[in-house]
Amino acid sequence: MSLSRLTTAIADGALALPEGKITVMRSAADYDVSALPRADLMIANGFYPDFVAWNNAGYVVTAKAEPAEVAIVVVPRSKALARAMIAAAASWAKLVIVDGQKTDGVESLFKDCRKRLGQLPSVPKGHGRIFWFAPAPVFDDWIAPPPSMGAHGYVTTAGVFSDGAVDKGSALLAGALPEKLPARMADLGAGWGYLAGPVLQRAGVASLDLIEAEALSLDCARLNVTDTRANFHWADATQFAPEAAYDGIVMNPPFHTGRATEPSLGRAFIAASARILAGHGKLWMVANRHLPYEQALRDAFRNVDEIAGNGAFKVFHATGPIR
């Protein structure tokens, strides 16, 4: 079995860890930590499915990174978030380790860090690279500002989906909603809360549950949505179990795992919506035009109609969830 970059660097003697606590930042549930002393290890991950997986495996897990002697930054897709994580780690760790795939921009980060720090030890392996350094005060311009209002009029932050503009699919879905909606509503994969506004403006809505797996996004949603009818849940929408079934659901489900398109994720959202809707419940969903969700919708609902769309997106209305 091929060794991970981290295990290889430690096993070959290239990387020596100082004694003390180790914080691993935003590692996926399958990230290899076998070379690290478990008693010193803390996993920091704000993505709920990974948080739960690490917790169930018996690790100490926190949603936000806590200072330690060693910080391991597992590179996320967002360049701004990756830079912010490195800057944060450099502010408190004695050793910063950066590990990531080329497709997630690790080579660009490696180049930028060498410009600031000089030559750095590294191990290229498995279509990625791991490198490390002793921190220096050269990353102040990478520090992430607190969540702030963007030009689109909403509070967002580095690392959230569609942080610079309203997602066009969500906007299309909002425009396709009827003037009156059911009383007990939910938004699966609510992000930073854009759809909550149009939903809560409709007649008939008594409550809206925003269900979101990314803690960074949910923190922004709490700032964007101040209506007292809104409730916030940090949870995996595909596994969420409400106290009572919903009358209606809106959703713009994610369809990426890493950088790969993964339609099964959207299908899992569809199955979850049918599971947590009451028998009379209704679903409004937007999806990219090229994603094949029609069969999954027909398998989960008795009635499925495309009620809006354009060249890029399609909006579905589904009723009669099949148990």
C-alpha atoms as a PDB file:
ATOM      1  CA  MET A   1       0.000   0.000   0.000  1.00  0.00           C
ATOM      2  CA  SER A   2       1.344   3.422  -0.965  1.00  0.00           C
ATOM      3  CA  LEU A   3       2.206   5.609   2.009  1.00  0.00           C
ATOM      4  CA  SER A   4       0.702   9.079   2.339  1.00  0.00           C
ATOM      5  CA  ARG A   5       2.875  12.162   1.947  1.00  0.00           C
ATOM      6  CA  LEU A   6       2.812  12.807   5.688  1.00  0.00           C
ATOM      7  CA  THR A   7       3.743   9.248   6.627  1.00  0.00           C
ATOM      8  CA  THR A   8       6.457   9.174   3.952  1.00  0.00           C
ATOM      9  CA  ALA A   9       8.031  12.429   5.144  1.00  0.00           C
ATOM     10  CA  ILE A  10       8.123  11.202   8.755  1.00  0.00           C
ATOM     11  CA  ALA A  11       9.195   7.625   7.957  1.00  0.00           C
ATOM     12  CA  ASP A  12      12.051   8.810   5.721  1.00  0.00           C
ATOM     13  CA  GLY A  13      13.337  11.133   8.435  1.00  0.00           C
ATOM     14  CA  ALA A  14      12.829  14.241   6.350  1.00  0.00           C
ATOM     15  CA  LEU A  15      10.236  15.626   8.780  1.00  0.00           C
ATOM     16  CA  ALA A  16      10.871  15.588  12.523  1.00  0.00           C
ATOM     17  CA  LEU A  17       8.032  16.639  14.802  1.00  0.00           C
ATOM     18  CA  PRO A  18       8.713  18.559  17.999  1.00  0.00           C
ATOM     19  CA  GLU A  19       7.132  17.237  21.171  1.00  0.00           C
ATOM     20  CA  GLY A  20       3.724  18.602  22.051  1.00  0.00           C
ATOM     21  CA  LYS A  21       0.196  18.907  20.766  1.00  0.00           C
ATOM     22  CA  ILE A  22      -0.631  18.626  17.072  1.00  0.00           C
ATOM     23  CA  THR A  23      -3.622  20.288  15.420  1.00  0.00           C
ATOM     24  CA  VAL A  24      -4.681  18.930  12.023  1.00  0.00           C
ATOM     25  CA  MET A  25      -6.732  21.547  10.199  1.00  0.00           C
ATOM     26  CA  ARG A  26      -9.640  20.635   7.873  1.00  0.00           C
ATOM     27  CA  SER A  27      -8.575  17.062   7.210  1.00  0.00           C
ATOM     28  CA  ALA A  28     -11.082  14.861   5.411  1.00  0.00           C
ATOM     29  CA  ALA A  29     -12.233  11.754   7.229  1.00  0.00           C
ATOM     30  CA  ASP A  30      -9.837   9.579   5.222  1.00  0.00           C
ATOM     31  CA  TYR A  31      -6.735  11.699   5.849  1.00  0.00           C
ATOM     32  CA  ASP A  32      -3.855   9.524   7.070  1.00  0.00           C
ATOM     33  CA  VAL A  33      -2.758  10.433  10.613  1.00  0.00           C
ATOM     34  CA  SER A  34      -1.303   7.010  11.434  1.00  0.00           C
ATOM     35  CA  ALA A  35       2.248   8.414  11.761  1.00  0.00           C
ATOM     36  CA  LEU A  36       1.194  10.923  14.437  1.00  0.00           C
ATOM     37  CA  PRO A  37       1.074  10.252  18.194  1.00  0.00           C
ATOM     38  CA  ARG A  38      -2.631   9.882  18.838  1.00  0.00           C
ATOM     39  CA  ALA A  39      -2.467  11.171  22.397  1.00  0.00           C
ATOM     40  CA  ASP A  40      -1.166  14.522  21.125  1.00  0.00           C
ATOM     41  CA  LEU A  41      -3.582  14.848  18.243  1.00  0.00           C
ATOM     42  CA  MET A  42      -6.513  17.204  17.775  1.00  0.00           C
ATOM     43  CA  ILE A  43      -8.597  17.339  14.599  1.00  0.00           C
ATOM     44  CA  ALA A  44     -10.055  20.760  13.677  1.00  0.00           C
ATOM     45  CA  ASN A  45     -12.803  20.535  11.083  1.00  0.00           C
ATOM     46  CA  GLY A  46     -15.878  22.694  10.540  1.00  0.00           C
ATOM     47  CA  PHE A  47     -17.404  20.358   7.939  1.00  0.00           C
ATOM     48  CA  TYR A  48     -19.963  18.332   9.855  1.00  0.00           C
ATOM     49  CA  PRO A  49     -19.668  14.916   8.110  1.00  0.00           C
ATOM     50  CA  ASP A  50     -15.893  14.898   8.645  1.00  0.00           C
ATOM     51  CA  PHE A  51     -16.297  16.209  12.207  1.00  0.00           C
ATOM     52  CA  VAL A  52     -18.634  13.317  13.015  1.00  0.00           C
ATOM     53  CA  ALA A  53     -16.422  10.729  11.297  1.00  0.00           C
ATOM     54  CA  TRP A  54     -13.348  11.764  13.302  1.00  0.00           C
ATOM     55  CA  ASN A  55     -15.364  11.914  16.504  1.00  0.00           C
ATOM     56  CA  ASN A  56     -16.802   8.454  15.899  1.00  0.00           C
ATOM     57  CA  ALA A  57     -13.266   7.160  15.330  1.00  0.00           C
ATOM     58  CA  GLY A  58     -12.387   8.298  18.846  1.00  0.00           C
ATOM     59  CA  TYR A  59     -10.298  11.391  18.087  1.00  0.00           C
ATOM     60  CA  VAL A  60     -10.462  14.712  19.888  1.00  0.00           C
ATOM     61  CA  VAL A  61     -12.300  16.979  17.448  1.00  0.00           C
ATOM     62  CA  THR A  62     -13.137  20.672  17.441  1.00  0.00           C
ATOM     63  CA  ALA A  63     -14.899  22.842  14.872  1.00  0.00           C
ATOM     64  CA  LYS A  64     -12.212  25.547  15.069  1.00  0.00           C
ATOM     65  CA  ALA A  65      -8.451  25.139  15.228  1.00  0.00           C
ATOM     66  CA  GLU A  66      -6.835  25.487  18.635  1.00  0.00           C
ATOM     67  CA  PRO A  67      -3.164  26.457  19.198  1.00  0.00           C
ATOM     68  CA  ALA A  68      -0.639  23.646  19.351  1.00  0.00           C
ATOM     69  CA  GLU A  69       3.090  23.129  18.870  1.00  0.00           C
ATOM     70  CA  VAL A  70       2.495  21.641  15.421  1.00  0.00           C
ATOM     71  CA  ALA A  71      -0.130  22.685  12.879  1.00  0.00           C
ATOM     72  CA  ILE A  72      -0.902  20.569   9.829  1.00  0.00           C
ATOM     73  CA  VAL A  73      -2.817  22.550   7.209  1.00  0.00           C
ATOM     74  CA  VAL A  74      -4.686  20.231   4.843  1.00  0.00           C
ATOM     75  CA  VAL A  75      -5.221  22.419   1.797  1.00  0.00           C
ATOM     76  CA  PRO A  76      -8.896  23.140   0.968  1.00  0.00           C
ATOM     77  CA  ARG A  77     -10.263  24.093  -2.450  1.00  0.00           C
ATOM     78  CA  SER A  78     -10.519  27.781  -1.558  1.00  0.00           C
ATOM     79  CA  LYS A  79      -7.221  29.617  -2.038  1.00  0.00           C
ATOM     80  CA  ALA A  80      -8.289  32.429   0.287  1.00  0.00           C
ATOM     81  CA  LEU A  81      -9.194  29.939   3.003  1.00  0.00           C
ATOM     82  CA  ALA A  82      -5.940  28.018   2.534  1.00  0.00           C
ATOM     83  CA  ARG A  83      -3.936  31.213   2.945  1.00  0.00           C
ATOM     84  CA  ALA A  84      -5.948  32.180   6.015  1.00  0.00           C
ATOM     85  CA  MET A  85      -5.324  28.766   7.561  1.00  0.00           C
ATOM     86  CA  ILE A  86      -1.573  29.069   6.982  1.00  0.00           C
ATOM     87  CA  ALA A  87      -1.538  32.559   8.468  1.00  0.00           C
ATOM     88  CA  ALA A  88      -3.487  31.374  11.512  1.00  0.00           C
ATOM     89  CA  ALA A  89      -1.216  28.366  12.017  1.00  0.00           C
ATOM     90  CA  ALA A  90       1.897  30.529  11.676  1.00  0.00           C
ATOM     91  CA  SER A  91       0.626  32.791  14.451  1.00  0.00           C
ATOM     92  CA  TRP A  92       0.754  30.064  17.110  1.00  0.00           C
ATOM     93  CA  ALA A  93       2.570  26.899  15.994  1.00  0.00           C
ATOM     94  CA  LYS A  94       6.274  26.139  16.266  1.00  0.00           C
ATOM     95  CA  LEU A  95       6.102  24.082  13.074  1.00  0.00           C
ATOM     96  CA  VAL A  96       3.644  24.503  10.210  1.00  0.00           C
ATOM     97  CA  ILE A  97       3.094  21.615   7.807  1.00  0.00           C
ATOM     98  CA  VAL A  98       1.113  22.151   4.592  1.00  0.00           C
ATOM     99  CA  ASP A  99      -0.221  19.111   2.747  1.00  0.00           C
ATOM    100  CA  GLY A 100      -2.383  19.131  -0.367  1.00  0.00           C
ATOM    101  CA  GLN A 101      -3.177  18.095  -3.884  1.00  0.00           C
ATOM    102  CA  LYS A 102      -2.047  19.942  -6.996  1.00  0.00           C
ATOM    103  CA  THR A 103      -5.687  20.281  -8.031  1.00  0.00           C
ATOM    104  CA  ASP A 104      -6.339  22.184  -4.788  1.00  0.00           C
ATOM    105  CA  GLY A 105      -3.502  24.633  -5.407  1.00  0.00           C
ATOM    106  CA  VAL A 106      -0.722  23.319  -3.180  1.00  0.00           C
ATOM    107  CA  GLU A 107       1.966  24.175  -5.743  1.00  0.00           C
ATOM    108  CA  SER A 108       0.887  27.813  -5.797  1.00  0.00           C
ATOM    109  CA  LEU A 109       0.963  27.912  -1.996  1.00  0.00           C
ATOM    110  CA  PHE A 110       4.412  26.295  -1.976  1.00  0.00           C
ATOM    111  CA  LYS A 111       5.689  28.904  -4.429  1.00  0.00           C
ATOM    112  CA  ASP A 112       4.180  31.779  -2.436  1.00  0.00           C
ATOM    113  CA  CYS A 113       5.592  30.497   0.856  1.00  0.00           C
ATOM    114  CA  ARG A 114       9.081  30.128  -0.652  1.00  0.00           C
ATOM    115  CA  LYS A 115       8.936  33.737  -1.828  1.00  0.00           C
ATOM    116  CA  ARG A 116       8.379  34.789   1.776  1.00  0.00           C
ATOM    117  CA  LEU A 117      10.556  32.270   3.599  1.00  0.00           C
ATOM    118  CA  GLY A 118      13.195  31.067   1.153  1.00  0.00           C
ATOM    119  CA  GLN A 119      13.860  27.444   0.266  1.00  0.00           C
ATOM    120  CA  LEU A 120      11.606  24.979   2.073  1.00  0.00           C
ATOM    121  CA  PRO A 121      11.844  21.216   2.572  1.00  0.00           C
ATOM    122  CA  SER A 122       9.134  19.284   0.810  1.00  0.00           C
ATOM    123  CA  VAL A 123       8.046  15.886  -0.474  1.00  0.00           C
ATOM    124  CA  PRO A 124       6.167  15.762  -3.794  1.00  0.00           C
ATOM    125  CA  LYS A 125       4.068  12.607  -4.008  1.00  0.00           C
ATOM    126  CA  GLY A 126       0.735  11.300  -5.223  1.00  0.00           C
ATOM    127  CA  HIS A 127      -0.182  14.321  -7.388  1.00  0.00           C
ATOM    128  CA  GLY A 128       0.454  16.645  -4.485  1.00  0.00           C
ATOM    129  CA  ARG A 129       3.067  18.011  -2.125  1.00  0.00           C
ATOM    130  CA  ILE A 130       3.774  18.329   1.569  1.00  0.00           C
ATOM    131  CA  PHE A 131       6.090  21.071   2.830  1.00  0.00           C
ATOM    132  CA  TRP A 132       6.902  22.575   6.191  1.00  0.00           C
ATOM    133  CA  PHE A 133       8.525  25.540   7.874  1.00  0.00           C
ATOM    134  CA  ALA A 134       9.195  27.293  11.151  1.00  0.00           C
ATOM    135  CA  PRO A 135       6.843  30.294  11.241  1.00  0.00           C
ATOM    136  CA  ALA A 136       7.981  33.847  10.636  1.00  0.00           C
ATOM    137  CA  PRO A 137       5.881  37.052  10.782  1.00  0.00           C
ATOM    138  CA  VAL A 138       5.393  37.253   7.020  1.00  0.00           C
ATOM    139  CA  PHE A 139       1.762  36.186   6.582  1.00  0.00           C
ATOM    140  CA  ASP A 140      -0.151  39.144   7.989  1.00  0.00           C
ATOM    141  CA  ASP A 141      -1.705  39.916   4.601  1.00  0.00           C
ATOM    142  CA  TRP A 142      -3.098  36.345   4.496  1.00  0.00           C
ATOM    143  CA  ILE A 143      -5.042  36.687   7.733  1.00  0.00           C
ATOM    144  CA  ALA A 144      -8.730  36.316   6.981  1.00  0.00           C
ATOM    145  CA  PRO A 145     -10.889  39.282   7.933  1.00  0.00           C
ATOM    146  CA  PRO A 146     -14.022  38.497   9.925  1.00  0.00           C
ATOM    147  CA  PRO A 147     -17.191  37.757   7.942  1.00  0.00           C
ATOM    148  CA  SER A 148     -18.157  40.952   6.146  1.00  0.00           C
ATOM    149  CA  MET A 149     -20.791  42.421   3.838  1.00  0.00           C
ATOM    150  CA  GLY A 150     -20.036  41.886   0.174  1.00  0.00           C
ATOM    151  CA  ALA A 151     -21.077  43.882  -2.853  1.00  0.00           C
ATOM    152  CA  HIS A 152     -24.107  41.588  -3.183  1.00  0.00           C
ATOM    153  CA  GLY A 153     -25.402  42.797   0.185  1.00  0.00           C
ATOM    154  CA  TYR A 154     -24.766  39.620   2.181  1.00  0.00           C
ATOM    155  CA  VAL A 155     -22.212  38.638   4.810  1.00  0.00           C
ATOM    156  CA  THR A 156     -19.770  36.000   3.590  1.00  0.00           C
ATOM    157  CA  THR A 157     -16.244  34.840   4.373  1.00  0.00           C
ATOM    158  CA  ALA A 158     -13.352  32.973   2.783  1.00  0.00           C
ATOM    159  CA  GLY A 159     -14.136  29.341   2.066  1.00  0.00           C
ATOM    160  CA  VAL A 160     -17.916  29.503   1.688  1.00  0.00           C
ATOM    161  CA  PHE A 161     -19.695  28.610  -1.537  1.00  0.00           C
ATOM    162  CA  SER A 162     -20.434  31.597  -3.803  1.00  0.00           C
ATOM    163  CA  ASP A 163     -18.841  34.092  -1.420  1.00  0.00           C
ATOM    164  CA  GLY A 164     -18.566  36.894  -3.969  1.00  0.00           C
ATOM    165  CA  ALA A 165     -21.976  36.775  -5.642  1.00  0.00           C
ATOM    166  CA  VAL A 166     -25.424  35.292  -5.323  1.00  0.00           C
ATOM    167  CA  ASP A 167     -25.441  31.857  -6.943  1.00  0.00           C
ATOM    168  CA  LYS A 168     -27.386  32.076 -10.217  1.00  0.00           C
ATOM    169  CA  GLY A 169     -29.137  28.781  -9.605  1.00  0.00           C
ATOM    170  CA  SER A 170     -30.351  29.891  -6.191  1.00  0.00           C
ATOM    171  CA  ALA A 171     -31.593  33.160  -7.682  1.00  0.00           C
ATOM    172  CA  LEU A 172     -33.534  31.238 -10.331  1.00  0.00           C
ATOM    173  CA  LEU A 173     -35.076  29.015  -7.647  1.00  0.00           C
ATOM    174  CA  ALA A 174     -36.060  32.033  -5.547  1.00  0.00           C
ATOM    175  CA  GLY A 175     -37.853  33.571  -8.510  1.00  0.00           C
ATOM    176  CA  ALA A 176     -39.765  30.351  -9.185  1.00  0.00           C
ATOM    177  CA  LEU A 177     -41.220  30.003  -5.681  1.00  0.00           C
ATOM    178  CA  PRO A 178     -44.986  30.532  -5.400  1.00  0.00           C
ATOM    179  CA  GLU A 179     -46.442  33.496  -3.525  1.00  0.00           C
ATOM    180  CA  LYS A 180     -47.539  31.205  -0.704  1.00  0.00           C
ATOM    181  CA  LEU A 181     -45.450  28.420   0.833  1.00  0.00           C
ATOM    182  CA  PRO A 182     -46.222  25.733   3.410  1.00  0.00           C
ATOM    183  CA  ALA A 183     -45.955  26.570   7.111  1.00  0.00           C
ATOM    184  CA  ARG A 184     -43.041  24.428   8.260  1.00  0.00           C
ATOM    185  CA  MET A 185     -40.139  24.878   5.814  1.00  0.00           C
ATOM    186  CA  ALA A 186     -36.522  23.732   5.579  1.00  0.00           C
ATOM    187  CA  ASP A 187     -33.558  24.667   3.390  1.00  0.00           C
ATOM    188  CA  LEU A 188     -31.222  21.706   2.905  1.00  0.00           C
ATOM    189  CA  GLY A 189     -27.649  22.852   2.342  1.00  0.00           C
ATOM    190  CA  ALA A 190     -28.574  26.414   3.230  1.00  0.00           C
ATOM    191  CA  GLY A 191     -25.085  27.888   2.739  1.00  0.00           C
ATOM    192  CA  TRP A 192     -24.819  31.474   3.934  1.00  0.00           C
ATOM    193  CA  GLY A 193     -28.574  31.895   3.881  1.00  0.00           C
ATOM    194  CA  TYR A 194     -29.542  33.469   0.560  1.00  0.00           C
ATOM    195  CA  LEU A 195     -32.715  31.419   0.004  1.00  0.00           C
ATOM    196  CA  ALA A 196     -33.998  32.175   3.504  1.00  0.00           C
ATOM    197  CA  GLY A 197     -34.944  35.718   2.516  1.00  0.00           C
ATOM    198  CA  PRO A 198     -37.243  34.803  -0.395  1.00  0.00           C
ATOM    199  CA  VAL A 199     -38.753  31.910   1.574  1.00  0.00           C
ATOM    200  CA  LEU A 200     -39.540  33.999   4.639  1.00  0.00           C
ATOM    201  CA  GLN A 201     -41.064  36.718   2.454  1.00  0.00           C
ATOM    202  CA  ARG A 202     -43.696  34.294   1.152  1.00  0.00           C
ATOM    203  CA  ALA A 203     -47.098  34.096   2.780  1.00  0.00           C
ATOM    204  CA  GLY A 204     -47.851  31.168   5.038  1.00  0.00           C
ATOM    205  CA  VAL A 205     -44.367  30.429   6.362  1.00  0.00           C
ATOM    206  CA  ALA A 206     -44.339  29.884  10.127  1.00  0.00           C
ATOM    207  CA  SER A 207     -40.795  28.553  10.482  1.00  0.00           C
ATOM    208  CA  LEU A 208     -37.683  27.837   8.433  1.00  0.00           C
ATOM    209  CA  ASP A 209     -34.884  25.460   9.407  1.00  0.00           C
ATOM    210  CA  LEU A 210     -31.535  26.209   7.747  1.00  0.00           C
ATOM    211  CA  ILE A 211     -29.542  22.975   7.636  1.00  0.00           C
ATOM    212  CA  GLU A 212     -25.888  23.377   6.643  1.00  0.00           C
ATOM    213  CA  ALA A 213     -22.807  21.185   7.057  1.00  0.00           C
ATOM    214  CA  GLU A 214     -20.137  23.912   6.733  1.00  0.00           C
ATOM    215  CA  ALA A 215     -19.733  25.860   9.972  1.00  0.00           C
ATOM    216  CA  LEU A 216     -18.206  28.845   8.164  1.00  0.00           C
ATOM    217  CA  SER A 217     -21.328  29.149   6.018  1.00  0.00           C
ATOM    218  CA  LEU A 218     -23.727  28.714   8.909  1.00  0.00           C
ATOM    219  CA  ASP A 219     -21.935  31.432  10.888  1.00  0.00           C
ATOM    220  CA  CYS A 220     -22.587  33.792   7.970  1.00  0.00           C
ATOM    221  CA  ALA A 221     -26.205  32.634   7.686  1.00  0.00           C
ATOM    222  CA  ARG A 222     -26.805  33.613  11.304  1.00  0.00           C
ATOM    223  CA  LEU A 223     -25.693  37.143  10.406  1.00  0.00           C
ATOM    224  CA  ASN A 224     -27.689  37.290   7.169  1.00  0.00           C
ATOM    225  CA  VAL A 225     -30.943  35.864   8.499  1.00  0.00           C
ATOM    226  CA  THR A 226     -32.285  37.643  11.582  1.00  0.00           C
ATOM    227  CA  ASP A 227     -35.949  36.692  11.234  1.00  0.00           C
ATOM    228  CA  THR A 228     -37.046  34.991  14.470  1.00  0.00           C
ATOM    229  CA  ARG A 229     -38.817  32.272  12.454  1.00  0.00           C
ATOM    230  CA  ALA A 230     -35.412  30.978  11.315  1.00  0.00           C
ATOM    231  CA  ASN A 231     -33.622  28.133  13.096  1.00  0.00           C
ATOM    232  CA  PHE A 232     -30.053  27.047  12.375  1.00  0.00           C
ATOM    233  CA  HIS A 233     -28.729  23.492  12.355  1.00  0.00           C
ATOM    234  CA  TRP A 234     -25.078  22.502  11.883  1.00  0.00           C
ATOM    235  CA  ALA A 235     -25.687  19.085  10.377  1.00  0.00           C
ATOM    236  CA  ASP A 236     -25.318  16.766   7.404  1.00  0.00           C
ATOM    237  CA  ALA A 237     -28.486  17.392   5.400  1.00  0.00           C
ATOM    238  CA  THR A 238     -28.429  13.842   4.024  1.00  0.00           C
ATOM    239  CA  GLN A 239     -28.598  12.402   7.558  1.00  0.00           C
ATOM    240  CA  PHE A 240     -30.609  15.067   9.371  1.00  0.00           C
ATOM    241  CA  ALA A 241     -33.566  13.914  11.468  1.00  0.00           C
ATOM    242  CA  PRO A 242     -35.977  16.745  12.379  1.00  0.00           C
ATOM    243  CA  GLU A 243     -38.264  16.635  15.396  1.00  0.00           C
ATOM    244  CA  ALA A 244     -41.258  16.683  13.057  1.00  0.00           C
ATOM    245  CA  ALA A 245     -41.713  16.245   9.311  1.00  0.00           C
ATOM    246  CA  TYR A 246     -41.564  19.323   7.100  1.00  0.00           C
ATOM    247  CA  ASP A 247     -44.360  20.695   4.966  1.00  0.00           C
ATOM    248  CA  GLY A 248     -41.967  22.096   2.385  1.00  0.00           C
ATOM    249  CA  ILE A 249     -38.288  22.041   1.434  1.00  0.00           C
ATOM    250  CA  VAL A 250     -36.164  24.240  -0.802  1.00  0.00           C
ATOM    251  CA  MET A 251     -32.670  23.269  -1.840  1.00  0.00           C
ATOM    252  CA  ASN A 252     -29.778  23.915  -4.162  1.00  0.00           C
ATOM    253  CA  PRO A 253     -27.776  20.776  -3.343  1.00  0.00           C
ATOM    254  CA  PRO A 254     -23.996  20.660  -3.719  1.00  0.00           C
ATOM    255  CA  PHE A 255     -22.628  18.374  -6.394  1.00  0.00           C
ATOM    256  CA  HIS A 256     -18.890  18.332  -5.760  1.00  0.00           C
ATOM    257  CA  THR A 257     -16.716  16.087  -3.649  1.00  0.00           C
ATOM    258  CA  GLY A 258     -13.381  17.871  -3.770  1.00  0.00           C
ATOM    259  CA  ARG A 259     -13.111  19.072  -7.363  1.00  0.00           C
ATOM    260  CA  ALA A 260     -14.872  16.078  -8.894  1.00  0.00           C
ATOM    261  CA  THR A 261     -18.508  16.284  -9.939  1.00  0.00           C
ATOM    262  CA  GLU A 262     -20.424  13.811  -7.798  1.00  0.00           C
ATOM    263  CA  PRO A 263     -24.126  13.550  -8.731  1.00  0.00           C
ATOM    264  CA  SER A 264     -24.657  10.967  -5.980  1.00  0.00           C
ATOM    265  CA  LEU A 265     -24.452  13.793  -3.453  1.00  0.00           C
ATOM    266  CA  GLY A 266     -27.432  15.522  -5.045  1.00  0.00           C
ATOM    267  CA  ARG A 267     -29.290  12.212  -5.187  1.00  0.00           C
ATOM    268  CA  ALA A 268     -28.664  11.795  -1.462  1.00  0.00           C
ATOM    269  CA  PHE A 269     -30.224  15.226  -0.873  1.00  0.00           C
ATOM    270  CA  ILE A 270     -33.274  14.186  -2.907  1.00  0.00           C
ATOM    271  CA  ALA A 271     -33.667  10.972  -0.891  1.00  0.00           C
ATOM    272  CA  ALA A 272     -33.279  12.910   2.355  1.00  0.00           C
ATOM    273  CA  SER A 273     -35.916  15.449   1.342  1.00  0.00           C
ATOM    274  CA  ALA A 274     -38.439  12.685   0.636  1.00  0.00           C
ATOM    275  CA  ARG A 275     -37.610  11.067   3.974  1.00  0.00           C
ATOM    276  CA  ILE A 276     -38.146  14.183   6.113  1.00  0.00           C
ATOM    277  CA  LEU A 277     -41.178  15.621   4.289  1.00  0.00           C
ATOM    278  CA  ALA A 278     -44.687  14.902   5.498  1.00  0.00           C
ATOM    279  CA  GLY A 279     -46.928  12.946   3.148  1.00  0.00           C
ATOM    280  CA  HIS A 280     -48.410  16.188   1.868  1.00  0.00           C
ATOM    281  CA  GLY A 281     -44.968  17.814   1.666  1.00  0.00           C
ATOM    282  CA  LYS A 282     -43.561  19.686  -1.319  1.00  0.00           C
ATOM    283  CA  LEU A 283     -40.036  20.107  -2.675  1.00  0.00           C
ATOM    284  CA  TRP A 284     -38.589  22.974  -4.724  1.00  0.00           C
ATOM    285  CA  MET A 285     -35.109  22.221  -6.046  1.00  0.00           C
ATOM    286  CA  VAL A 286     -32.650  23.784  -8.473  1.00  0.00           C
ATOM    287  CA  ALA A 287     -29.841  21.904 -10.204  1.00  0.00           C
ATOM    288  CA  ASN A 288     -27.323  22.423 -12.951  1.00  0.00           C
ATOM    289  CA  ARG A 289     -28.844  21.562 -16.308  1.00  0.00           C
ATOM    290  CA  HIS A 290     -26.351  18.772 -17.039  1.00  0.00           C
ATOM    291  CA  LEU A 291     -26.888  16.819 -13.806  1.00  0.00           C
ATOM    292  CA  PRO A 292     -29.098  13.705 -14.187  1.00  0.00           C
ATOM    293  CA  TYR A 293     -31.491  14.057 -11.249  1.00  0.00           C
ATOM    294  CA  GLU A 294     -34.786  13.328 -12.973  1.00  0.00           C
ATOM    295  CA  GLN A 295     -34.769   9.583 -12.239  1.00  0.00           C
ATOM    296  CA  ALA A 296     -33.808  10.140  -8.592  1.00  0.00           C
ATOM    297  CA  LEU A 297     -36.711  12.574  -8.244  1.00  0.00           C
ATOM    298  CA  ARG A 298     -39.160  10.155  -9.852  1.00  0.00           C
ATOM    299  CA  ASP A 299     -37.934   7.387  -7.543  1.00  0.00           C
ATOM    300  CA  ALA A 300     -38.533   9.578  -4.470  1.00  0.00           C
ATOM    301  CA  PHE A 301     -41.714  11.497  -5.439  1.00  0.00           C
ATOM    302  CA  ARG A 302     -44.961  10.623  -7.167  1.00  0.00           C
ATOM    303  CA  ASN A 303     -45.205  13.919  -9.039  1.00  0.00           C
ATOM    304  CA  VAL A 304     -42.240  15.767 -10.552  1.00  0.00           C
ATOM    305  CA  ASP A 305     -42.383  18.838 -12.789  1.00  0.00           C
ATOM    306  CA  GLU A 306     -39.759  21.177 -14.197  1.00  0.00           C
ATOM    307  CA  ILE A 307     -41.243  24.584 -13.447  1.00  0.00           C
ATOM    308  CA  ALA A 308     -38.431  26.911 -14.550  1.00  0.00           C
ATOM    309  CA  GLY A 309     -35.072  26.802 -16.228  1.00  0.00           C
ATOM    310  CA  ASN A 310     -32.520  28.227 -18.616  1.00  0.00           C
ATOM    311  CA  GLY A 311     -29.464  26.973 -20.425  1.00  0.00           C
ATOM    312  CA  ALA A 312     -27.559  26.450 -17.185  1.00  0.00           C
ATOM    313  CA  PHE A 313     -30.131  25.440 -14.556  1.00  0.00           C
ATOM    314  CA  LYS A 314     -33.435  23.648 -14.080  1.00  0.00           C
ATOM    315  CA  VAL A 315     -35.949  24.073 -11.236  1.00  0.00           C
ATOM    316  CA  PHE A 316     -38.105  21.152 -10.105  1.00  0.00           C
ATOM    317  CA  HIS A 317     -41.282  20.998  -8.038  1.00  0.00           C
ATOM    318  CA  ALA A 318     -42.001  17.563  -6.552  1.00  0.00           C
ATOM    319  CA  THR A 319     -44.882  16.324  -4.401  1.00  0.00           C
ATOM    320  CA  GLY A 320     -46.013  13.047  -2.878  1.00  0.00           C
ATOM    321  CA  PRO A 321     -42.844  11.722  -1.238  1.00  0.00           C
ATOM    322  CA  ILE A 322     -42.572   7.952  -1.559  1.00  0.00           C
ATOM    323  CA  ARG A 323     -41.854   6.149   1.687  1.00  0.00           C
END
